[in-house]
Amino acid sequence: MELLKIEIIISNTFLQDLIQKLEKVGVHGYTAIEIFKGKGIKKGEQLSEGLLPTTRNSLVFTVSTAEITQKVIENIQPYLDDRGGLIITSRVIYASGLS
């Protein structure tokens, strides 16, 4: 079975909505990590110094089958286009402890 890692960066404002959408398309497990610092091509260096958690971004990642990954891309990319965010997928060569 081919496994893929899905990584999504999104504003904390939309994090719970994103998680609901992921679960709706079949993602059953994920990890969300708040981002402290980053540097992008469009906005340059960004620090999460805001007082409110809603001014920060999170990285959400999961490992899934190719079929579910395709559903995630089809359903989440339009959502990210509207709200801002990034989605990356990559092949998983080895994974342990997923079940």
PDB file of N, CA and C in Angstrom:
ATOM      1  N   MET A   1       0.845  -1.168   0.000  1.00  0.00           N
ATOM      2  CA  MET A   1       0.000   0.000   0.000  1.00  0.00           C
ATOM      3  C   MET A   1       0.899   1.243   0.000  1.00  0.00           C
ATOM      4  N   GLU A   2       0.636   2.157  -0.920  1.00  0.00           N
ATOM      5  CA  GLU A   2       1.391   3.404  -1.004  1.00  0.00           C
ATOM      6  C   GLU A   2       0.888   4.400   0.041  1.00  0.00           C
ATOM      7  N   LEU A   3       1.823   4.931   0.829  1.00  0.00           N
ATOM      8  CA  LEU A   3       1.481   5.926   1.833  1.00  0.00           C
ATOM      9  C   LEU A   3       2.092   7.262   1.455  1.00  0.00           C
ATOM     10  N   LEU A   4       1.381   8.318   1.775  1.00  0.00           N
ATOM     11  CA  LEU A   4       1.857   9.667   1.533  1.00  0.00           C
ATOM     12  C   LEU A   4       1.717  10.499   2.787  1.00  0.00           C
ATOM     13  N   LYS A   5       2.634  11.432   2.963  1.00  0.00           N
ATOM     14  CA  LYS A   5       2.557  12.388   4.061  1.00  0.00           C
ATOM     15  C   LYS A   5       1.928  13.662   3.504  1.00  0.00           C
ATOM     16  N   ILE A   6       0.960  14.176   4.228  1.00  0.00           N
ATOM     17  CA  ILE A   6       0.287  15.424   3.866  1.00  0.00           C
ATOM     18  C   ILE A   6       0.681  16.457   4.913  1.00  0.00           C
ATOM     19  N   GLU A   7       1.171  17.606   4.460  1.00  0.00           N
ATOM     20  CA  GLU A   7       1.520  18.697   5.355  1.00  0.00           C
ATOM     21  C   GLU A   7       0.740  19.936   4.929  1.00  0.00           C
ATOM     22  N   ILE A   8       0.089  20.570   5.881  1.00  0.00           N
ATOM     23  CA  ILE A   8      -0.712  21.762   5.599  1.00  0.00           C
ATOM     24  C   ILE A   8      -0.329  22.847   6.599  1.00  0.00           C
ATOM     25  N   ILE A   9      -0.047  24.032   6.088  1.00  0.00           N
ATOM     26  CA  ILE A   9       0.176  25.196   6.944  1.00  0.00           C
ATOM     27  C   ILE A   9      -1.037  26.101   6.786  1.00  0.00           C
ATOM     28  N   ILE A  10      -1.610  26.493   7.921  1.00  0.00           N
ATOM     29  CA  ILE A  10      -2.829  27.289   7.896  1.00  0.00           C
ATOM     30  C   ILE A  10      -2.888  28.185   9.136  1.00  0.00           C
ATOM     31  N   SER A  11      -3.581  29.287   9.027  1.00  0.00           N
ATOM     32  CA  SER A  11      -3.786  30.179  10.164  1.00  0.00           C
ATOM     33  C   SER A  11      -4.577  29.452  11.249  1.00  0.00           C
ATOM     34  N   ASN A  12      -4.215  29.695  12.501  1.00  0.00           N
ATOM     35  CA  ASN A  12      -4.952  29.080  13.611  1.00  0.00           C
ATOM     36  C   ASN A  12      -6.430  29.458  13.595  1.00  0.00           C
ATOM     37  N   THR A  13      -6.763  30.567  12.978  1.00  0.00           N
ATOM     38  CA  THR A  13      -8.160  30.980  12.866  1.00  0.00           C
ATOM     39  C   THR A  13      -9.000  29.895  12.184  1.00  0.00           C
ATOM     40  N   PHE A  14      -8.403  29.190  11.226  1.00  0.00           N
ATOM     41  CA  PHE A  14      -9.132  28.195  10.432  1.00  0.00           C
ATOM     42  C   PHE A  14      -8.769  26.750  10.794  1.00  0.00           C
ATOM     43  N   LEU A  15      -7.982  26.562  11.842  1.00  0.00           N
ATOM     44  CA  LEU A  15      -7.471  25.234  12.181  1.00  0.00           C
ATOM     45  C   LEU A  15      -8.586  24.228  12.476  1.00  0.00           C
ATOM     46  N   GLN A  16      -9.535  24.562  13.322  1.00  0.00           N
ATOM     47  CA  GLN A  16     -10.596  23.611  13.672  1.00  0.00           C
ATOM     48  C   GLN A  16     -11.465  23.262  12.464  1.00  0.00           C
ATOM     49  N   ASP A  17     -11.731  24.247  11.626  1.00  0.00           N
ATOM     50  CA  ASP A  17     -12.503  23.998  10.408  1.00  0.00           C
ATOM     51  C   ASP A  17     -11.736  23.062   9.477  1.00  0.00           C
ATOM     52  N   LEU A  18     -10.433  23.271   9.338  1.00  0.00           N
ATOM     53  CA  LEU A  18      -9.601  22.398   8.513  1.00  0.00           C
ATOM     54  C   LEU A  18      -9.637  20.965   9.041  1.00  0.00           C
ATOM     55  N   ILE A  19      -9.493  20.800  10.341  1.00  0.00           N
ATOM     56  CA  ILE A  19      -9.505  19.460  10.941  1.00  0.00           C
ATOM     57  C   ILE A  19     -10.833  18.753  10.661  1.00  0.00           C
ATOM     58  N   GLN A  20     -11.943  19.468  10.772  1.00  0.00           N
ATOM     59  CA  GLN A  20     -13.248  18.870  10.455  1.00  0.00           C
ATOM     60  C   GLN A  20     -13.305  18.431   8.996  1.00  0.00           C
ATOM     61  N   LYS A  21     -12.771  19.242   8.094  1.00  0.00           N
ATOM     62  CA  LYS A  21     -12.765  18.891   6.674  1.00  0.00           C
ATOM     63  C   LYS A  21     -11.884  17.677   6.413  1.00  0.00           C
ATOM     64  N   LEU A  22     -10.748  17.597   7.095  1.00  0.00           N
ATOM     65  CA  LEU A  22      -9.875  16.433   6.933  1.00  0.00           C
ATOM     66  C   LEU A  22     -10.569  15.160   7.403  1.00  0.00           C
ATOM     67  N   GLU A  23     -11.229  15.222   8.543  1.00  0.00           N
ATOM     68  CA  GLU A  23     -11.934  14.050   9.060  1.00  0.00           C
ATOM     69  C   GLU A  23     -13.073  13.641   8.136  1.00  0.00           C
ATOM     70  N   LYS A  24     -13.715  14.615   7.523  1.00  0.00           N
ATOM     71  CA  LYS A  24     -14.849  14.335   6.616  1.00  0.00           C
ATOM     72  C   LYS A  24     -14.407  13.545   5.378  1.00  0.00           C
ATOM     73  N   VAL A  25     -13.150  13.766   4.920  1.00  0.00           N
ATOM     74  CA  VAL A  25     -12.680  13.034   3.740  1.00  0.00           C
ATOM     75  C   VAL A  25     -11.921  11.757   4.098  1.00  0.00           C
ATOM     76  N   GLY A  26     -11.851  11.413   5.392  1.00  0.00           N
ATOM     77  CA  GLY A  26     -11.291  10.126   5.778  1.00  0.00           C
ATOM     78  C   GLY A  26      -9.971  10.156   6.521  1.00  0.00           C
ATOM     79  N   VAL A  27      -9.476  11.332   6.873  1.00  0.00           N
ATOM     80  CA  VAL A  27      -8.257  11.412   7.676  1.00  0.00           C
ATOM     81  C   VAL A  27      -8.647  11.168   9.129  1.00  0.00           C
ATOM     82  N   HIS A  28      -8.073  10.128   9.744  1.00  0.00           N
ATOM     83  CA  HIS A  28      -8.480   9.758  11.099  1.00  0.00           C
ATOM     84  C   HIS A  28      -7.477  10.155  12.174  1.00  0.00           C
ATOM     85  N   GLY A  29      -6.276  10.499  11.770  1.00  0.00           N
ATOM     86  CA  GLY A  29      -5.267  10.914  12.731  1.00  0.00           C
ATOM     87  C   GLY A  29      -4.428  12.033  12.149  1.00  0.00           C
ATOM     88  N   TYR A  30      -3.955  12.905  12.987  1.00  0.00           N
ATOM     89  CA  TYR A  30      -3.153  14.038  12.526  1.00  0.00           C
ATOM     90  C   TYR A  30      -2.352  14.570  13.707  1.00  0.00           C
ATOM     91  N   THR A  31      -1.384  15.391  13.387  1.00  0.00           N
ATOM     92  CA  THR A  31      -0.635  16.143  14.390  1.00  0.00           C
ATOM     93  C   THR A  31      -0.668  17.601  13.973  1.00  0.00           C
ATOM     94  N   ALA A  32      -0.918  18.488  14.923  1.00  0.00           N
ATOM     95  CA  ALA A  32      -0.914  19.932  14.658  1.00  0.00           C
ATOM     96  C   ALA A  32       0.121  20.571  15.572  1.00  0.00           C
ATOM     97  N   ILE A  33       0.993  21.360  14.975  1.00  0.00           N
ATOM     98  CA  ILE A  33       2.066  22.022  15.711  1.00  0.00           C
ATOM     99  C   ILE A  33       2.000  23.513  15.414  1.00  0.00           C
ATOM    100  N   GLU A  34       2.012  24.323  16.463  1.00  0.00           N
ATOM    101  CA  GLU A  34       2.010  25.765  16.256  1.00  0.00           C
ATOM    102  C   GLU A  34       3.386  26.197  15.750  1.00  0.00           C
ATOM    103  N   ILE A  35       3.386  27.059  14.754  1.00  0.00           N
ATOM    104  CA  ILE A  35       4.633  27.525  14.147  1.00  0.00           C
ATOM    105  C   ILE A  35       5.118  28.769  14.882  1.00  0.00           C
ATOM    106  N   PHE A  36       6.366  28.738  15.298  1.00  0.00           N
ATOM    107  CA  PHE A  36       6.961  29.873  15.998  1.00  0.00           C
ATOM    108  C   PHE A  36       7.564  30.871  15.024  1.00  0.00           C
ATOM    109  N   LYS A  37       8.230  30.364  13.983  1.00  0.00           N
ATOM    110  CA  LYS A  37       8.935  31.237  13.062  1.00  0.00           C
ATOM    111  C   LYS A  37       9.002  30.570  11.699  1.00  0.00           C
ATOM    112  N   GLY A  38       8.994  31.377  10.640  1.00  0.00           N
ATOM    113  CA  GLY A  38       9.131  30.845   9.300  1.00  0.00           C
ATOM    114  C   GLY A  38       9.540  31.939   8.329  1.00  0.00           C
ATOM    115  N   LYS A  39       9.944  31.514   7.147  1.00  0.00           N
ATOM    116  CA  LYS A  39      10.304  32.466   6.109  1.00  0.00           C
ATOM    117  C   LYS A  39       9.800  31.913   4.796  1.00  0.00           C
ATOM    118  N   GLY A  40       8.983  32.699   4.125  1.00  0.00           N
ATOM    119  CA  GLY A  40       8.415  32.270   2.865  1.00  0.00           C
ATOM    120  C   GLY A  40       8.850  33.153   1.709  1.00  0.00           C
ATOM    121  N   ILE A  41       8.560  32.710   0.508  1.00  0.00           N
ATOM    122  CA  ILE A  41       8.906  33.458  -0.690  1.00  0.00           C
ATOM    123  C   ILE A  41       8.045  34.713  -0.810  1.00  0.00           C
ATOM    124  N   LYS A  42       6.756  34.593  -0.490  1.00  0.00           N
ATOM    125  CA  LYS A  42       5.829  35.712  -0.662  1.00  0.00           C
ATOM    126  C   LYS A  42       5.939  36.762   0.435  1.00  0.00           C
ATOM    127  N   LYS A  43       5.996  36.346   1.688  1.00  0.00           N
ATOM    128  CA  LYS A  43       5.912  37.289   2.810  1.00  0.00           C
ATOM    129  C   LYS A  43       7.214  37.460   3.579  1.00  0.00           C
ATOM    130  N   GLY A  44       8.239  36.718   3.212  1.00  0.00           N
ATOM    131  CA  GLY A  44       9.510  36.838   3.920  1.00  0.00           C
ATOM    132  C   GLY A  44       9.436  36.221   5.305  1.00  0.00           C
ATOM    133  N   GLU A  45      10.326  36.684   6.181  1.00  0.00           N
ATOM    134  CA  GLU A  45      10.399  36.124   7.529  1.00  0.00           C
ATOM    135  C   GLU A  45       9.199  36.546   8.359  1.00  0.00           C
ATOM    136  N   GLN A  46       8.650  35.603   9.101  1.00  0.00           N
ATOM    137  CA  GLN A  46       7.478  35.844   9.938  1.00  0.00           C
ATOM    138  C   GLN A  46       7.732  35.276  11.330  1.00  0.00           C
ATOM    139  N   LEU A  47       7.466  36.069  12.322  1.00  0.00           N
ATOM    140  CA  LEU A  47       7.526  35.611  13.704  1.00  0.00           C
ATOM    141  C   LEU A  47       6.116  35.547  14.255  1.00  0.00           C
ATOM    142  N   SER A  48       5.827  34.555  15.062  1.00  0.00           N
ATOM    143  CA  SER A  48       4.517  34.452  15.696  1.00  0.00           C
ATOM    144  C   SER A  48       4.563  35.178  17.034  1.00  0.00           C
ATOM    145  N   GLU A  49       4.610  36.478  16.969  1.00  0.00           N
ATOM    146  CA  GLU A  49       4.732  37.273  18.187  1.00  0.00           C
ATOM    147  C   GLU A  49       3.408  37.865  18.639  1.00  0.00           C
ATOM    148  N   GLY A  50       2.336  37.606  17.894  1.00  0.00           N
ATOM    149  CA  GLY A  50       1.054  38.180  18.262  1.00  0.00           C
ATOM    150  C   GLY A  50       0.582  37.710  19.626  1.00  0.00           C
ATOM    151  N   LEU A  51      -0.165  38.540  20.282  1.00  0.00           N
ATOM    152  CA  LEU A  51      -0.683  38.188  21.603  1.00  0.00           C
ATOM    153  C   LEU A  51      -1.788  37.139  21.521  1.00  0.00           C
ATOM    154  N   LEU A  52      -2.512  37.150  20.421  1.00  0.00           N
ATOM    155  CA  LEU A  52      -3.631  36.215  20.266  1.00  0.00           C
ATOM    156  C   LEU A  52      -3.197  34.988  19.475  1.00  0.00           C
ATOM    157  N   PRO A  53      -3.637  33.804  19.869  1.00  0.00           N
ATOM    158  CA  PRO A  53      -3.299  32.597  19.108  1.00  0.00           C
ATOM    159  C   PRO A  53      -3.814  32.644  17.676  1.00  0.00           C
ATOM    160  N   THR A  54      -4.848  33.446  17.414  1.00  0.00           N
ATOM    161  CA  THR A  54      -5.406  33.523  16.068  1.00  0.00           C
ATOM    162  C   THR A  54      -4.488  34.240  15.095  1.00  0.00           C
ATOM    163  N   THR A  55      -3.450  34.910  15.582  1.00  0.00           N
ATOM    164  CA  THR A  55      -2.502  35.584  14.688  1.00  0.00           C
ATOM    165  C   THR A  55      -1.363  34.657  14.295  1.00  0.00           C
ATOM    166  N   ARG A  56      -1.413  33.413  14.714  1.00  0.00           N
ATOM    167  CA  ARG A  56      -0.351  32.448  14.448  1.00  0.00           C
ATOM    168  C   ARG A  56      -0.790  31.418  13.408  1.00  0.00           C
ATOM    169  N   ASN A  57       0.180  30.666  12.914  1.00  0.00           N
ATOM    170  CA  ASN A  57      -0.087  29.581  11.978  1.00  0.00           C
ATOM    171  C   ASN A  57       0.231  28.247  12.629  1.00  0.00           C
ATOM    172  N   SER A  58      -0.338  27.183  12.073  1.00  0.00           N
ATOM    173  CA  SER A  58      -0.030  25.829  12.520  1.00  0.00           C
ATOM    174  C   SER A  58       0.340  24.967  11.337  1.00  0.00           C
ATOM    175  N   LEU A  59       1.154  23.947  11.608  1.00  0.00           N
ATOM    176  CA  LEU A  59       1.461  22.902  10.643  1.00  0.00           C
ATOM    177  C   LEU A  59       0.667  21.677  11.059  1.00  0.00           C
ATOM    178  N   VAL A  60      -0.150  21.189  10.159  1.00  0.00           N
ATOM    179  CA  VAL A  60      -0.932  19.976  10.397  1.00  0.00           C
ATOM    180  C   VAL A  60      -0.366  18.910   9.458  1.00  0.00           C
ATOM    181  N   PHE A  61      -0.036  17.743  10.016  1.00  0.00           N
ATOM    182  CA  PHE A  61       0.442  16.688   9.129  1.00  0.00           C
ATOM    183  C   PHE A  61      -0.160  15.350   9.495  1.00  0.00           C
ATOM    184  N   THR A  62      -0.201  14.485   8.485  1.00  0.00           N
ATOM    185  CA  THR A  62      -0.757  13.151   8.637  1.00  0.00           C
ATOM    186  C   THR A  62      -0.130  12.238   7.586  1.00  0.00           C
ATOM    187  N   VAL A  63      -0.254  10.949   7.779  1.00  0.00           N
ATOM    188  CA  VAL A  63       0.156   9.957   6.792  1.00  0.00           C
ATOM    189  C   VAL A  63      -1.098   9.227   6.362  1.00  0.00           C
ATOM    190  N   SER A  64      -1.256   9.082   5.051  1.00  0.00           N
ATOM    191  CA  SER A  64      -2.500   8.526   4.542  1.00  0.00           C
ATOM    192  C   SER A  64      -2.252   7.728   3.268  1.00  0.00           C
ATOM    193  N   THR A  65      -3.289   7.039   2.821  1.00  0.00           N
ATOM    194  CA  THR A  65      -3.220   6.307   1.553  1.00  0.00           C
ATOM    195  C   THR A  65      -3.284   7.298   0.389  1.00  0.00           C
ATOM    196  N   ALA A  66      -2.895   6.829  -0.775  1.00  0.00           N
ATOM    197  CA  ALA A  66      -2.939   7.672  -1.978  1.00  0.00           C
ATOM    198  C   ALA A  66      -4.381   8.109  -2.272  1.00  0.00           C
ATOM    199  N   GLU A  67      -5.343   7.216  -2.042  1.00  0.00           N
ATOM    200  CA  GLU A  67      -6.758   7.538  -2.307  1.00  0.00           C
ATOM    201  C   GLU A  67      -7.248   8.675  -1.405  1.00  0.00           C
ATOM    202  N   ILE A  68      -6.981   8.588  -0.137  1.00  0.00           N
ATOM    203  CA  ILE A  68      -7.420   9.640   0.790  1.00  0.00           C
ATOM    204  C   ILE A  68      -6.642  10.921   0.535  1.00  0.00           C
ATOM    205  N   THR A  69      -5.356  10.813   0.204  1.00  0.00           N
ATOM    206  CA  THR A  69      -4.564  11.998  -0.115  1.00  0.00           C
ATOM    207  C   THR A  69      -5.174  12.754  -1.288  1.00  0.00           C
ATOM    208  N   GLN A  70      -5.616  12.036  -2.293  1.00  0.00           N
ATOM    209  CA  GLN A  70      -6.250  12.689  -3.447  1.00  0.00           C
ATOM    210  C   GLN A  70      -7.532  13.409  -3.032  1.00  0.00           C
ATOM    211  N   LYS A  71      -8.312  12.795  -2.162  1.00  0.00           N
ATOM    212  CA  LYS A  71      -9.524  13.446  -1.650  1.00  0.00           C
ATOM    213  C   LYS A  71      -9.177  14.704  -0.863  1.00  0.00           C
ATOM    214  N   VAL A  72      -8.110  14.637  -0.083  1.00  0.00           N
ATOM    215  CA  VAL A  72      -7.671  15.813   0.682  1.00  0.00           C
ATOM    216  C   VAL A  72      -7.312  16.942  -0.276  1.00  0.00           C
ATOM    217  N   ILE A  73      -6.522  16.634  -1.291  1.00  0.00           N
ATOM    218  CA  ILE A  73      -6.114  17.671  -2.253  1.00  0.00           C
ATOM    219  C   ILE A  73      -7.341  18.280  -2.926  1.00  0.00           C
ATOM    220  N   GLU A  74      -8.250  17.449  -3.403  1.00  0.00           N
ATOM    221  CA  GLU A  74      -9.435  17.945  -4.111  1.00  0.00           C
ATOM    222  C   GLU A  74     -10.326  18.807  -3.221  1.00  0.00           C
ATOM    223  N   ASN A  75     -10.432  18.475  -1.948  1.00  0.00           N
ATOM    224  CA  ASN A  75     -11.346  19.183  -1.052  1.00  0.00           C
ATOM    225  C   ASN A  75     -10.689  20.315  -0.271  1.00  0.00           C
ATOM    226  N   ILE A  76      -9.416  20.193   0.031  1.00  0.00           N
ATOM    227  CA  ILE A  76      -8.751  21.183   0.880  1.00  0.00           C
ATOM    228  C   ILE A  76      -8.100  22.298   0.073  1.00  0.00           C
ATOM    229  N   GLN A  77      -7.590  22.008  -1.119  1.00  0.00           N
ATOM    230  CA  GLN A  77      -6.920  23.053  -1.896  1.00  0.00           C
ATOM    231  C   GLN A  77      -7.830  24.251  -2.178  1.00  0.00           C
ATOM    232  N   PRO A  78      -9.082  24.064  -2.610  1.00  0.00           N
ATOM    233  CA  PRO A  78      -9.951  25.236  -2.802  1.00  0.00           C
ATOM    234  C   PRO A  78     -10.169  26.026  -1.508  1.00  0.00           C
ATOM    235  N   TYR A  79     -10.248  25.325  -0.389  1.00  0.00           N
ATOM    236  CA  TYR A  79     -10.402  25.967   0.918  1.00  0.00           C
ATOM    237  C   TYR A  79      -9.176  26.822   1.228  1.00  0.00           C
ATOM    238  N   LEU A  80      -7.982  26.275   0.964  1.00  0.00           N
ATOM    239  CA  LEU A  80      -6.748  27.025   1.202  1.00  0.00           C
ATOM    240  C   LEU A  80      -6.602  28.195   0.233  1.00  0.00           C
ATOM    241  N   ASP A  81      -7.065  28.028  -0.988  1.00  0.00           N
ATOM    242  CA  ASP A  81      -7.026  29.133  -1.956  1.00  0.00           C
ATOM    243  C   ASP A  81      -7.815  30.330  -1.443  1.00  0.00           C
ATOM    244  N   ASP A  82      -8.937  30.069  -0.784  1.00  0.00           N
ATOM    245  CA  ASP A  82      -9.788  31.147  -0.254  1.00  0.00           C
ATOM    246  C   ASP A  82      -9.228  31.763   1.023  1.00  0.00           C
ATOM    247  N   ARG A  83      -8.607  30.974   1.879  1.00  0.00           N
ATOM    248  CA  ARG A  83      -8.215  31.439   3.209  1.00  0.00           C
ATOM    249  C   ARG A  83      -6.716  31.634   3.374  1.00  0.00           C
ATOM    250  N   GLY A  84      -5.960  31.174   2.420  1.00  0.00           N
ATOM    251  CA  GLY A  84      -4.506  31.226   2.515  1.00  0.00           C
ATOM    252  C   GLY A  84      -3.991  29.979   3.193  1.00  0.00           C
ATOM    253  N   GLY A  85      -2.905  29.500   2.726  1.00  0.00           N
ATOM    254  CA  GLY A  85      -2.328  28.299   3.299  1.00  0.00           C
ATOM    255  C   GLY A  85      -1.533  27.552   2.259  1.00  0.00           C
ATOM    256  N   LEU A  86      -0.944  26.469   2.689  1.00  0.00           N
ATOM    257  CA  LEU A  86      -0.037  25.693   1.854  1.00  0.00           C
ATOM    258  C   LEU A  86      -0.293  24.220   2.108  1.00  0.00           C
ATOM    259  N   ILE A  87      -0.259  23.428   1.040  1.00  0.00           N
ATOM    260  CA  ILE A  87      -0.382  21.978   1.179  1.00  0.00           C
ATOM    261  C   ILE A  87       0.756  21.329   0.404  1.00  0.00           C
ATOM    262  N   ILE A  88       1.397  20.352   1.026  1.00  0.00           N
ATOM    263  CA  ILE A  88       2.507  19.619   0.420  1.00  0.00           C
ATOM    264  C   ILE A  88       2.266  18.133   0.666  1.00  0.00           C
ATOM    265  N   THR A  89       2.540  17.321  -0.330  1.00  0.00           N
ATOM    266  CA  THR A  89       2.481  15.873  -0.143  1.00  0.00           C
ATOM    267  C   THR A  89       3.823  15.275  -0.547  1.00  0.00           C
ATOM    268  N   SER A  90       4.172  14.160   0.077  1.00  0.00           N
ATOM    269  CA  SER A  90       5.404  13.453  -0.266  1.00  0.00           C
ATOM    270  C   SER A  90       5.217  11.969   0.008  1.00  0.00           C
ATOM    271  N   ARG A  91       5.953  11.154  -0.725  1.00  0.00           N
ATOM    272  CA  ARG A  91       5.886   9.707  -0.538  1.00  0.00           C
ATOM    273  C   ARG A  91       6.570   9.324   0.774  1.00  0.00           C
ATOM    274  N   VAL A  92       5.987   8.329   1.414  1.00  0.00           N
ATOM    275  CA  VAL A  92       6.563   7.799   2.656  1.00  0.00           C
ATOM    276  C   VAL A  92       7.280   6.500   2.302  1.00  0.00           C
ATOM    277  N   ILE A  93       8.550   6.445   2.617  1.00  0.00           N
ATOM    278  CA  ILE A  93       9.339   5.243   2.325  1.00  0.00           C
ATOM    279  C   ILE A  93       9.176   4.214   3.444  1.00  0.00           C
ATOM    280  N   TYR A  94       9.125   4.704   4.670  1.00  0.00           N
ATOM    281  CA  TYR A  94       8.980   3.810   5.816  1.00  0.00           C
ATOM    282  C   TYR A  94       8.145   4.500   6.876  1.00  0.00           C
ATOM    283  N   ALA A  95       7.240   3.753   7.480  1.00  0.00           N
ATOM    284  CA  ALA A  95       6.428   4.273   8.589  1.00  0.00           C
ATOM    285  C   ALA A  95       6.204   3.146   9.579  1.00  0.00           C
ATOM    286  N   SER A  96       6.254   3.494  10.854  1.00  0.00           N
ATOM    287  CA  SER A  96       6.038   2.526  11.911  1.00  0.00           C
ATOM    288  C   SER A  96       5.071   3.124  12.932  1.00  0.00           C
ATOM    289  N   GLY A  97       4.242   2.279  13.528  1.00  0.00           N
ATOM    290  CA  GLY A  97       3.356   2.735  14.595  1.00  0.00           C
ATOM    291  C   GLY A  97       2.160   3.525  14.129  1.00  0.00           C
ATOM    292  N   LEU A  98       1.706   3.299  12.919  1.00  0.00           N
ATOM    293  CA  LEU A  98       0.563   4.069  12.398  1.00  0.00           C
ATOM    294  C   LEU A  98      -0.781   3.521  12.842  1.00  0.00           C
ATOM    295  N   SER A  99      -0.833   2.287  13.255  1.00  0.00           N
ATOM    296  CA  SER A  99      -2.139   1.744  13.627  1.00  0.00           C
ATOM    297  C   SER A  99      -2.302   1.599  15.115  1.00  0.00           C
TER     298      SER A  99
END
